[in-house]
Amino acid sequence: MDEPLKRLMQELGNAINDSLSESDRIAEAIGEIKRAGYDVFLVLEATIGFNRRDEHADDEDDEAEVTEEEPKRTFEATGKIKFTSQDHRFLRALKIAVDDER
C-alpha cells in the first residue's frame, strides 16, 4: 500500500475517533451506564474498503451506453487474528467452526 493512501486512511481513522470521542450523546449514554453501577468499555470495528477508480471510466461512460456492473472488490489481509476463549464460545454458539493455528 502506498504512503499517501496510508496517510489518508490514518486521517479517516482519526476523524472517526475524534467524532466519537466528542459526541455528547455517546458521553451521556456512557455516563448513564456508569451511574447505573457498571464499568463501560467500548470497542467499535469499522470495515472500510476501497478500490482505485479507473480515471478514464467517466469519459467512456459518457460516450457509450452504460451497463451497470458491480465493481469487483478486493481486500488485503493485514495480519493474523487471535481468538480469545470468548470468541471461540461465541462462534461455536453460532455453529461456526474456526480452524485455529495453535
PDB file of N, CA and C in Angstrom:
ATOM      1  N   MET A   1       0.857  -1.169   0.000  1.00  0.00           N
ATOM      2  CA  MET A   1       0.000   0.000   0.000  1.00  0.00           C
ATOM      3  C   MET A   1       0.907   1.238   0.000  1.00  0.00           C
ATOM      4  N   ASP A   2       0.571   2.225  -0.804  1.00  0.00           N
ATOM      5  CA  ASP A   2       1.437   3.398  -0.893  1.00  0.00           C
ATOM      6  C   ASP A   2       1.223   4.353   0.280  1.00  0.00           C
ATOM      7  N   GLU A   3       2.251   5.142   0.565  1.00  0.00           N
ATOM      8  CA  GLU A   3       2.251   6.031   1.732  1.00  0.00           C
ATOM      9  C   GLU A   3       1.121   7.063   1.720  1.00  0.00           C
ATOM     10  N   PRO A   4       0.820   7.708   0.580  1.00  0.00           N
ATOM     11  CA  PRO A   4      -0.300   8.673   0.612  1.00  0.00           C
ATOM     12  C   PRO A   4      -1.622   8.015   1.017  1.00  0.00           C
ATOM     13  N   LEU A   5      -1.864   6.788   0.554  1.00  0.00           N
ATOM     14  CA  LEU A   5      -3.091   6.095   0.925  1.00  0.00           C
ATOM     15  C   LEU A   5      -3.077   5.749   2.416  1.00  0.00           C
ATOM     16  N   LYS A   6      -1.936   5.298   2.923  1.00  0.00           N
ATOM     17  CA  LYS A   6      -1.834   5.010   4.362  1.00  0.00           C
ATOM     18  C   LYS A   6      -2.138   6.260   5.182  1.00  0.00           C
ATOM     19  N   ARG A   7      -1.591   7.397   4.738  1.00  0.00           N
ATOM     20  CA  ARG A   7      -1.816   8.649   5.453  1.00  0.00           C
ATOM     21  C   ARG A   7      -3.295   9.020   5.434  1.00  0.00           C
ATOM     22  N   LEU A   8      -3.949   8.864   4.279  1.00  0.00           N
ATOM     23  CA  LEU A   8      -5.375   9.182   4.170  1.00  0.00           C
ATOM     24  C   LEU A   8      -6.223   8.253   5.032  1.00  0.00           C
ATOM     25  N   MET A   9      -5.855   6.978   5.074  1.00  0.00           N
ATOM     26  CA  MET A   9      -6.597   6.023   5.913  1.00  0.00           C
ATOM     27  C   MET A   9      -6.428   6.363   7.396  1.00  0.00           C
ATOM     28  N   GLN A  10      -5.203   6.752   7.783  1.00  0.00           N
ATOM     29  CA  GLN A  10      -4.959   7.158   9.170  1.00  0.00           C
ATOM     30  C   GLN A  10      -5.786   8.389   9.516  1.00  0.00           C
ATOM     31  N   GLU A  11      -5.854   9.338   8.591  1.00  0.00           N
ATOM     32  CA  GLU A  11      -6.646  10.547   8.809  1.00  0.00           C
ATOM     33  C   GLU A  11      -8.133  10.208   8.975  1.00  0.00           C
ATOM     34  N   LEU A  12      -8.626   9.271   8.170  1.00  0.00           N
ATOM     35  CA  LEU A  12     -10.019   8.837   8.304  1.00  0.00           C
ATOM     36  C   LEU A  12     -10.245   8.209   9.675  1.00  0.00           C
ATOM     37  N   GLY A  13      -9.330   7.351  10.098  1.00  0.00           N
ATOM     38  CA  GLY A  13      -9.449   6.733  11.421  1.00  0.00           C
ATOM     39  C   GLY A  13      -9.443   7.768  12.531  1.00  0.00           C
ATOM     40  N   ASN A  14      -8.564   8.758  12.422  1.00  0.00           N
ATOM     41  CA  ASN A  14      -8.515   9.824  13.426  1.00  0.00           C
ATOM     42  C   ASN A  14      -9.815  10.620  13.443  1.00  0.00           C
ATOM     43  N   ALA A  15     -10.366  10.906  12.263  1.00  0.00           N
ATOM     44  CA  ALA A  15     -11.616  11.668  12.179  1.00  0.00           C
ATOM     45  C   ALA A  15     -12.770  10.894  12.828  1.00  0.00           C
ATOM     46  N   ILE A  16     -12.823   9.595  12.575  1.00  0.00           N
ATOM     47  CA  ILE A  16     -13.877   8.765  13.182  1.00  0.00           C
ATOM     48  C   ILE A  16     -13.714   8.754  14.696  1.00  0.00           C
ATOM     49  N   ASN A  17     -12.489   8.541  15.163  1.00  0.00           N
ATOM     50  CA  ASN A  17     -12.219   8.508  16.602  1.00  0.00           C
ATOM     51  C   ASN A  17     -12.576   9.840  17.263  1.00  0.00           C
ATOM     52  N   ASP A  18     -12.170  10.943  16.632  1.00  0.00           N
ATOM     53  CA  ASP A  18     -12.474  12.261  17.186  1.00  0.00           C
ATOM     54  C   ASP A  18     -13.972  12.503  17.269  1.00  0.00           C
ATOM     55  N   SER A  19     -14.701  12.129  16.221  1.00  0.00           N
ATOM     56  CA  SER A  19     -16.143  12.390  16.223  1.00  0.00           C
ATOM     57  C   SER A  19     -16.847  11.558  17.297  1.00  0.00           C
ATOM     58  N   LEU A  20     -16.363  10.344  17.538  1.00  0.00           N
ATOM     59  CA  LEU A  20     -16.968   9.521  18.593  1.00  0.00           C
ATOM     60  C   LEU A  20     -16.631  10.061  19.974  1.00  0.00           C
ATOM     61  N   SER A  21     -15.361  10.443  20.171  1.00  0.00           N
ATOM     62  CA  SER A  21     -14.954  10.909  21.493  1.00  0.00           C
ATOM     63  C   SER A  21     -15.561  12.264  21.837  1.00  0.00           C
ATOM     64  N   GLU A  22     -15.938  13.044  20.842  1.00  0.00           N
ATOM     65  CA  GLU A  22     -16.530  14.362  21.083  1.00  0.00           C
ATOM     66  C   GLU A  22     -18.061  14.334  21.091  1.00  0.00           C
ATOM     67  N   SER A  23     -18.650  13.156  20.914  1.00  0.00           N
ATOM     68  CA  SER A  23     -20.100  13.055  20.835  1.00  0.00           C
ATOM     69  C   SER A  23     -20.733  13.185  22.219  1.00  0.00           C
ATOM     70  N   ASP A  24     -21.587  14.192  22.375  1.00  0.00           N
ATOM     71  CA  ASP A  24     -22.298  14.373  23.638  1.00  0.00           C
ATOM     72  C   ASP A  24     -23.259  13.218  23.902  1.00  0.00           C
ATOM     73  N   ARG A  25     -23.887  12.700  22.846  1.00  0.00           N
ATOM     74  CA  ARG A  25     -24.834  11.586  23.017  1.00  0.00           C
ATOM     75  C   ARG A  25     -24.133  10.342  23.547  1.00  0.00           C
ATOM     76  N   ILE A  26     -22.946  10.035  22.980  1.00  0.00           N
ATOM     77  CA  ILE A  26     -22.201   8.862  23.434  1.00  0.00           C
ATOM     78  C   ILE A  26     -21.747   9.075  24.873  1.00  0.00           C
ATOM     79  N   ALA A  27     -21.216  10.252  25.186  1.00  0.00           N
ATOM     80  CA  ALA A  27     -20.760  10.539  26.551  1.00  0.00           C
ATOM     81  C   ALA A  27     -21.912  10.428  27.540  1.00  0.00           C
ATOM     82  N   GLU A  28     -23.075  10.921  27.153  1.00  0.00           N
ATOM     83  CA  GLU A  28     -24.243  10.854  28.025  1.00  0.00           C
ATOM     84  C   GLU A  28     -24.686   9.408  28.257  1.00  0.00           C
ATOM     85  N   ALA A  29     -24.715   8.615  27.196  1.00  0.00           N
ATOM     86  CA  ALA A  29     -25.125   7.209  27.341  1.00  0.00           C
ATOM     87  C   ALA A  29     -24.140   6.445  28.222  1.00  0.00           C
ATOM     88  N   ILE A  30     -22.852   6.684  28.031  1.00  0.00           N
ATOM     89  CA  ILE A  30     -21.844   6.012  28.862  1.00  0.00           C
ATOM     90  C   ILE A  30     -21.979   6.460  30.315  1.00  0.00           C
ATOM     91  N   GLY A  31     -22.221   7.758  30.512  1.00  0.00           N
ATOM     92  CA  GLY A  31     -22.426   8.271  31.871  1.00  0.00           C
ATOM     93  C   GLY A  31     -23.603   7.606  32.563  1.00  0.00           C
ATOM     94  N   GLU A  32     -24.697   7.399  31.837  1.00  0.00           N
ATOM     95  CA  GLU A  32     -25.875   6.746  32.417  1.00  0.00           C
ATOM     96  C   GLU A  32     -25.559   5.306  32.807  1.00  0.00           C
ATOM     97  N   ILE A  33     -24.813   4.618  31.986  1.00  0.00           N
ATOM     98  CA  ILE A  33     -24.437   3.230  32.304  1.00  0.00           C
ATOM     99  C   ILE A  33     -23.560   3.205  33.552  1.00  0.00           C
ATOM    100  N   LYS A  34     -22.619   4.136  33.654  1.00  0.00           N
ATOM    101  CA  LYS A  34     -21.734   4.194  34.827  1.00  0.00           C
ATOM    102  C   LYS A  34     -22.534   4.523  36.082  1.00  0.00           C
ATOM    103  N   ARG A  35     -23.490   5.461  35.959  1.00  0.00           N
ATOM    104  CA  ARG A  35     -24.324   5.806  37.111  1.00  0.00           C
ATOM    105  C   ARG A  35     -25.182   4.633  37.557  1.00  0.00           C
ATOM    106  N   ALA A  36     -25.475   3.722  36.629  1.00  0.00           N
ATOM    107  CA  ALA A  36     -26.257   2.526  36.978  1.00  0.00           C
ATOM    108  C   ALA A  36     -25.377   1.481  37.651  1.00  0.00           C
ATOM    109  N   GLY A  37     -24.061   1.769  37.788  1.00  0.00           N
ATOM    110  CA  GLY A  37     -23.192   0.867  38.529  1.00  0.00           C
ATOM    111  C   GLY A  37     -22.370  -0.074  37.669  1.00  0.00           C
ATOM    112  N   TYR A  38     -22.218   0.220  36.413  1.00  0.00           N
ATOM    113  CA  TYR A  38     -21.462  -0.647  35.516  1.00  0.00           C
ATOM    114  C   TYR A  38     -20.204   0.058  35.028  1.00  0.00           C
ATOM    115  N   ASP A  39     -19.151  -0.737  34.826  1.00  0.00           N
ATOM    116  CA  ASP A  39     -17.979  -0.237  34.124  1.00  0.00           C
ATOM    117  C   ASP A  39     -18.261  -0.365  32.637  1.00  0.00           C
ATOM    118  N   VAL A  40     -17.730   0.552  31.862  1.00  0.00           N
ATOM    119  CA  VAL A  40     -18.016   0.569  30.431  1.00  0.00           C
ATOM    120  C   VAL A  40     -16.717   0.471  29.650  1.00  0.00           C
ATOM    121  N   PHE A  41     -16.726  -0.397  28.669  1.00  0.00           N
ATOM    122  CA  PHE A  41     -15.660  -0.374  27.669  1.00  0.00           C
ATOM    123  C   PHE A  41     -16.333  -0.481  26.317  1.00  0.00           C
ATOM    124  N   LEU A  42     -15.854   0.305  25.409  1.00  0.00           N
ATOM    125  CA  LEU A  42     -16.476   0.401  24.101  1.00  0.00           C
ATOM    126  C   LEU A  42     -15.459   0.032  23.035  1.00  0.00           C
ATOM    127  N   VAL A  43     -15.794  -0.978  22.260  1.00  0.00           N
ATOM    128  CA  VAL A  43     -14.933  -1.391  21.156  1.00  0.00           C
ATOM    129  C   VAL A  43     -15.781  -1.369  19.897  1.00  0.00           C
ATOM    130  N   LEU A  44     -15.384  -0.556  18.949  1.00  0.00           N
ATOM    131  CA  LEU A  44     -16.090  -0.481  17.679  1.00  0.00           C
ATOM    132  C   LEU A  44     -15.155  -0.960  16.583  1.00  0.00           C
ATOM    133  N   GLU A  45     -15.717  -1.648  15.621  1.00  0.00           N
ATOM    134  CA  GLU A  45     -14.925  -2.115  14.490  1.00  0.00           C
ATOM    135  C   GLU A  45     -15.525  -1.547  13.219  1.00  0.00           C
ATOM    136  N   ALA A  46     -14.681  -0.975  12.413  1.00  0.00           N
ATOM    137  CA  ALA A  46     -15.136  -0.441  11.135  1.00  0.00           C
ATOM    138  C   ALA A  46     -14.403  -1.164  10.023  1.00  0.00           C
ATOM    139  N   THR A  47     -15.140  -1.574   9.037  1.00  0.00           N
ATOM    140  CA  THR A  47     -14.529  -2.161   7.855  1.00  0.00           C
ATOM    141  C   THR A  47     -14.657  -1.150   6.733  1.00  0.00           C
ATOM    142  N   ILE A  48     -13.529  -0.743   6.219  1.00  0.00           N
ATOM    143  CA  ILE A  48     -13.523   0.258   5.161  1.00  0.00           C
ATOM    144  C   ILE A  48     -12.839  -0.356   3.953  1.00  0.00           C
ATOM    145  N   GLY A  49     -13.556  -0.426   2.850  1.00  0.00           N
ATOM    146  CA  GLY A  49     -12.990  -0.972   1.617  1.00  0.00           C
ATOM    147  C   GLY A  49     -12.730   0.151   0.636  1.00  0.00           C
ATOM    148  N   PHE A  50     -11.790  -0.072  -0.225  1.00  0.00           N
ATOM    149  CA  PHE A  50     -11.505   0.930  -1.232  1.00  0.00           C
ATOM    150  C   PHE A  50     -10.956   0.252  -2.477  1.00  0.00           C
ATOM    151  N   ASN A  51     -11.250   0.853  -3.605  1.00  0.00           N
ATOM    152  CA  ASN A  51     -10.750   0.415  -4.907  1.00  0.00           C
ATOM    153  C   ASN A  51     -10.224   1.636  -5.633  1.00  0.00           C
ATOM    154  N   ARG A  52      -9.175   1.438  -6.391  1.00  0.00           N
ATOM    155  CA  ARG A  52      -8.686   2.530  -7.218  1.00  0.00           C
ATOM    156  C   ARG A  52      -9.645   2.677  -8.394  1.00  0.00           C
ATOM    157  N   ARG A  53     -10.118   3.906  -8.630  1.00  0.00           N
ATOM    158  CA  ARG A  53     -11.020   4.156  -9.747  1.00  0.00           C
ATOM    159  C   ARG A  53     -10.219   4.242 -11.033  1.00  0.00           C
ATOM    160  N   ASP A  54     -10.827   3.806 -12.101  1.00  0.00           N
ATOM    161  CA  ASP A  54     -10.238   3.968 -13.424  1.00  0.00           C
ATOM    162  C   ASP A  54     -10.542   5.392 -13.854  1.00  0.00           C
ATOM    163  N   GLU A  55      -9.503   6.202 -14.028  1.00  0.00           N
ATOM    164  CA  GLU A  55      -9.690   7.623 -14.337  1.00  0.00           C
ATOM    165  C   GLU A  55     -10.384   7.848 -15.675  1.00  0.00           C
ATOM    166  N   HIS A  56     -10.302   6.898 -16.596  1.00  0.00           N
ATOM    167  CA  HIS A  56     -10.910   7.056 -17.916  1.00  0.00           C
ATOM    168  C   HIS A  56     -12.337   6.534 -17.965  1.00  0.00           C
ATOM    169  N   ALA A  57     -12.798   5.927 -16.903  1.00  0.00           N
ATOM    170  CA  ALA A  57     -14.129   5.314 -16.904  1.00  0.00           C
ATOM    171  C   ALA A  57     -15.222   6.354 -17.101  1.00  0.00           C
ATOM    172  N   ASP A  58     -15.086   7.535 -16.498  1.00  0.00           N
ATOM    173  CA  ASP A  58     -16.115   8.570 -16.636  1.00  0.00           C
ATOM    174  C   ASP A  58     -16.251   9.033 -18.075  1.00  0.00           C
ATOM    175  N   ASP A  59     -15.124   9.192 -18.773  1.00  0.00           N
ATOM    176  CA  ASP A  59     -15.165   9.612 -20.171  1.00  0.00           C
ATOM    177  C   ASP A  59     -15.863   8.572 -21.031  1.00  0.00           C
ATOM    178  N   GLU A  60     -15.551   7.303 -20.806  1.00  0.00           N
ATOM    179  CA  GLU A  60     -16.140   6.219 -21.594  1.00  0.00           C
ATOM    180  C   GLU A  60     -17.623   6.100 -21.330  1.00  0.00           C
ATOM    181  N   ASP A  61     -18.048   6.334 -20.078  1.00  0.00           N
ATOM    182  CA  ASP A  61     -19.464   6.228 -19.730  1.00  0.00           C
ATOM    183  C   ASP A  61     -20.301   7.252 -20.481  1.00  0.00           C
ATOM    184  N   ASP A  62     -19.739   8.450 -20.715  1.00  0.00           N
ATOM    185  CA  ASP A  62     -20.474   9.485 -21.425  1.00  0.00           C
ATOM    186  C   ASP A  62     -20.676   9.128 -22.894  1.00  0.00           C
ATOM    187  N   GLU A  63     -19.734   8.409 -23.478  1.00  0.00           N
ATOM    188  CA  GLU A  63     -19.767   8.109 -24.898  1.00  0.00           C
ATOM    189  C   GLU A  63     -20.538   6.839 -25.241  1.00  0.00           C
ATOM    190  N   ALA A  64     -20.557   5.885 -24.388  1.00  0.00           N
ATOM    191  CA  ALA A  64     -21.174   4.590 -24.705  1.00  0.00           C
ATOM    192  C   ALA A  64     -22.389   4.358 -23.825  1.00  0.00           C
ATOM    193  N   GLU A  65     -23.226   3.436 -24.259  1.00  0.00           N
ATOM    194  CA  GLU A  65     -24.362   3.038 -23.447  1.00  0.00           C
ATOM    195  C   GLU A  65     -23.828   2.311 -22.219  1.00  0.00           C
ATOM    196  N   VAL A  66     -24.321   2.682 -21.069  1.00  0.00           N
ATOM    197  CA  VAL A  66     -23.769   2.164 -19.817  1.00  0.00           C
ATOM    198  C   VAL A  66     -24.562   0.939 -19.376  1.00  0.00           C
ATOM    199  N   THR A  67     -23.859  -0.150 -19.125  1.00  0.00           N
ATOM    200  CA  THR A  67     -24.470  -1.310 -18.483  1.00  0.00           C
ATOM    201  C   THR A  67     -23.872  -1.380 -17.094  1.00  0.00           C
ATOM    202  N   GLU A  68     -24.743  -1.229 -16.089  1.00  0.00           N
ATOM    203  CA  GLU A  68     -24.285  -1.197 -14.707  1.00  0.00           C
ATOM    204  C   GLU A  68     -23.745  -2.570 -14.309  1.00  0.00           C
ATOM    205  N   GLU A  69     -22.523  -2.575 -13.828  1.00  0.00           N
ATOM    206  CA  GLU A  69     -21.907  -3.791 -13.306  1.00  0.00           C
ATOM    207  C   GLU A  69     -21.377  -3.497 -11.926  1.00  0.00           C
ATOM    208  N   GLU A  70     -21.526  -4.438 -11.036  1.00  0.00           N
ATOM    209  CA  GLU A  70     -20.995  -4.305  -9.688  1.00  0.00           C
ATOM    210  C   GLU A  70     -19.469  -4.355  -9.755  1.00  0.00           C
ATOM    211  N   PRO A  71     -18.779  -3.369  -9.177  1.00  0.00           N
ATOM    212  CA  PRO A  71     -17.315  -3.392  -9.236  1.00  0.00           C
ATOM    213  C   PRO A  71     -16.765  -4.569  -8.423  1.00  0.00           C
ATOM    214  N   LYS A  72     -15.665  -5.116  -8.914  1.00  0.00           N
ATOM    215  CA  LYS A  72     -15.022  -6.194  -8.180  1.00  0.00           C
ATOM    216  C   LYS A  72     -14.272  -5.588  -7.008  1.00  0.00           C
ATOM    217  N   ARG A  73     -14.481  -6.155  -5.847  1.00  0.00           N
ATOM    218  CA  ARG A  73     -13.840  -5.623  -4.649  1.00  0.00           C
ATOM    219  C   ARG A  73     -12.754  -6.578  -4.199  1.00  0.00           C
ATOM    220  N   THR A  74     -11.657  -6.015  -3.831  1.00  0.00           N
ATOM    221  CA  THR A  74     -10.563  -6.819  -3.312  1.00  0.00           C
ATOM    222  C   THR A  74     -10.191  -6.291  -1.945  1.00  0.00           C
ATOM    223  N   PHE A  75      -9.805  -7.184  -1.077  1.00  0.00           N
ATOM    224  CA  PHE A  75      -9.415  -6.825   0.268  1.00  0.00           C
ATOM    225  C   PHE A  75      -8.059  -7.438   0.550  1.00  0.00           C
ATOM    226  N   GLU A  76      -7.305  -6.751   1.350  1.00  0.00           N
ATOM    227  CA  GLU A  76      -5.959  -7.207   1.669  1.00  0.00           C
ATOM    228  C   GLU A  76      -5.897  -7.520   3.160  1.00  0.00           C
ATOM    229  N   ALA A  77      -5.439  -8.721   3.501  1.00  0.00           N
ATOM    230  CA  ALA A  77      -5.312  -9.099   4.905  1.00  0.00           C
ATOM    231  C   ALA A  77      -4.151  -8.341   5.518  1.00  0.00           C
ATOM    232  N   THR A  78      -4.337  -7.866   6.751  1.00  0.00           N
ATOM    233  CA  THR A  78      -3.290  -7.097   7.403  1.00  0.00           C
ATOM    234  C   THR A  78      -2.541  -7.899   8.449  1.00  0.00           C
ATOM    235  N   GLY A  79      -2.997  -9.083   8.769  1.00  0.00           N
ATOM    236  CA  GLY A  79      -2.300  -9.874   9.782  1.00  0.00           C
ATOM    237  C   GLY A  79      -3.139 -11.038  10.245  1.00  0.00           C
ATOM    238  N   LYS A  80      -2.635 -11.723  11.243  1.00  0.00           N
ATOM    239  CA  LYS A  80      -3.348 -12.871  11.796  1.00  0.00           C
ATOM    240  C   LYS A  80      -4.296 -12.406  12.900  1.00  0.00           C
ATOM    241  N   ILE A  81      -5.347 -13.173  13.086  1.00  0.00           N
ATOM    242  CA  ILE A  81      -6.321 -12.882  14.126  1.00  0.00           C
ATOM    243  C   ILE A  81      -6.123 -13.885  15.246  1.00  0.00           C
ATOM    244  N   LYS A  82      -6.075 -13.400  16.470  1.00  0.00           N
ATOM    245  CA  LYS A  82      -6.000 -14.278  17.633  1.00  0.00           C
ATOM    246  C   LYS A  82      -7.357 -14.246  18.325  1.00  0.00           C
ATOM    247  N   PHE A  83      -7.986 -15.406  18.435  1.00  0.00           N
ATOM    248  CA  PHE A  83      -9.291 -15.502  19.065  1.00  0.00           C
ATOM    249  C   PHE A  83      -9.130 -15.776  20.553  1.00  0.00           C
ATOM    250  N   THR A  84      -9.965 -15.147  21.356  1.00  0.00           N
ATOM    251  CA  THR A  84      -9.997 -15.431  22.782  1.00  0.00           C
ATOM    252  C   THR A  84     -10.928 -16.614  23.015  1.00  0.00           C
ATOM    253  N   SER A  85     -10.943 -17.116  24.245  1.00  0.00           N
ATOM    254  CA  SER A  85     -11.861 -18.224  24.560  1.00  0.00           C
ATOM    255  C   SER A  85     -13.307 -17.762  24.399  1.00  0.00           C
ATOM    256  N   GLN A  86     -13.586 -16.482  24.690  1.00  0.00           N
ATOM    257  CA  GLN A  86     -14.939 -15.956  24.488  1.00  0.00           C
ATOM    258  C   GLN A  86     -15.303 -15.948  23.010  1.00  0.00           C
ATOM    259  N   ASP A  87     -14.347 -15.582  22.164  1.00  0.00           N
ATOM    260  CA  ASP A  87     -14.582 -15.603  20.719  1.00  0.00           C
ATOM    261  C   ASP A  87     -14.965 -17.004  20.268  1.00  0.00           C
ATOM    262  N   HIS A  88     -14.209 -18.008  20.737  1.00  0.00           N
ATOM    263  CA  HIS A  88     -14.481 -19.393  20.343  1.00  0.00           C
ATOM    264  C   HIS A  88     -15.868 -19.838  20.821  1.00  0.00           C
ATOM    265  N   ARG A  89     -16.218 -19.488  22.068  1.00  0.00           N
ATOM    266  CA  ARG A  89     -17.549 -19.866  22.581  1.00  0.00           C
ATOM    267  C   ARG A  89     -18.652 -19.212  21.755  1.00  0.00           C
ATOM    268  N   PHE A  90     -18.470 -17.950  21.424  1.00  0.00           N
ATOM    269  CA  PHE A  90     -19.458 -17.232  20.637  1.00  0.00           C
ATOM    270  C   PHE A  90     -19.621 -17.863  19.253  1.00  0.00           C
ATOM    271  N   LEU A  91     -18.508 -18.146  18.597  1.00  0.00           N
ATOM    272  CA  LEU A  91     -18.575 -18.741  17.267  1.00  0.00           C
ATOM    273  C   LEU A  91     -19.188 -20.136  17.314  1.00  0.00           C
ATOM    274  N   ARG A  92     -18.838 -20.917  18.335  1.00  0.00           N
ATOM    275  CA  ARG A  92     -19.448 -22.261  18.476  1.00  0.00           C
ATOM    276  C   ARG A  92     -20.958 -22.142  18.683  1.00  0.00           C
ATOM    277  N   ALA A  93     -21.394 -21.133  19.453  1.00  0.00           N
ATOM    278  CA  ALA A  93     -22.831 -20.926  19.678  1.00  0.00           C
ATOM    279  C   ALA A  93     -23.547 -20.620  18.370  1.00  0.00           C
ATOM    280  N   LEU A  94     -22.827 -19.986  17.439  1.00  0.00           N
ATOM    281  CA  LEU A  94     -23.391 -19.697  16.122  1.00  0.00           C
ATOM    282  C   LEU A  94     -23.162 -20.837  15.134  1.00  0.00           C
ATOM    283  N   LYS A  95     -22.576 -21.911  15.646  1.00  0.00           N
ATOM    284  CA  LYS A  95     -22.254 -23.095  14.837  1.00  0.00           C
ATOM    285  C   LYS A  95     -21.289 -22.749  13.703  1.00  0.00           C
ATOM    286  N   ILE A  96     -20.286 -21.928  14.055  1.00  0.00           N
ATOM    287  CA  ILE A  96     -19.231 -21.563  13.115  1.00  0.00           C
ATOM    288  C   ILE A  96     -17.945 -22.225  13.581  1.00  0.00           C
ATOM    289  N   ALA A  97     -17.372 -23.048  12.715  1.00  0.00           N
ATOM    290  CA  ALA A  97     -16.119 -23.718  13.047  1.00  0.00           C
ATOM    291  C   ALA A  97     -14.953 -22.835  12.637  1.00  0.00           C
ATOM    292  N   VAL A  98     -13.955 -22.787  13.489  1.00  0.00           N
ATOM    293  CA  VAL A  98     -12.769 -21.992  13.212  1.00  0.00           C
ATOM    294  C   VAL A  98     -11.559 -22.910  13.309  1.00  0.00           C
ATOM    295  N   ASP A  99     -10.778 -22.953  12.223  1.00  0.00           N
ATOM    296  CA  ASP A  99      -9.527 -23.683  12.260  1.00  0.00           C
ATOM    297  C   ASP A  99      -8.501 -22.781  12.879  1.00  0.00           C
ATOM    298  N   ASP A 100      -8.059 -23.123  14.079  1.00  0.00           N
ATOM    299  CA  ASP A 100      -7.150 -22.272  14.829  1.00  0.00           C
ATOM    300  C   ASP A 100      -5.738 -22.837  14.758  1.00  0.00           C
ATOM    301  N   GLU A 101      -4.781 -22.001  14.401  1.00  0.00           N
ATOM    302  CA  GLU A 101      -3.388 -22.420  14.400  1.00  0.00           C
ATOM    303  C   GLU A 101      -2.857 -22.256  15.804  1.00  0.00           C
ATOM    304  N   ARG A 102      -2.572 -23.353  16.459  1.00  0.00           N
ATOM    305  CA  ARG A 102      -2.082 -23.291  17.838  1.00  0.00           C
ATOM    306  C   ARG A 102      -0.656 -23.721  17.911  1.00  0.00           C
TER     307      ARG A 102
END
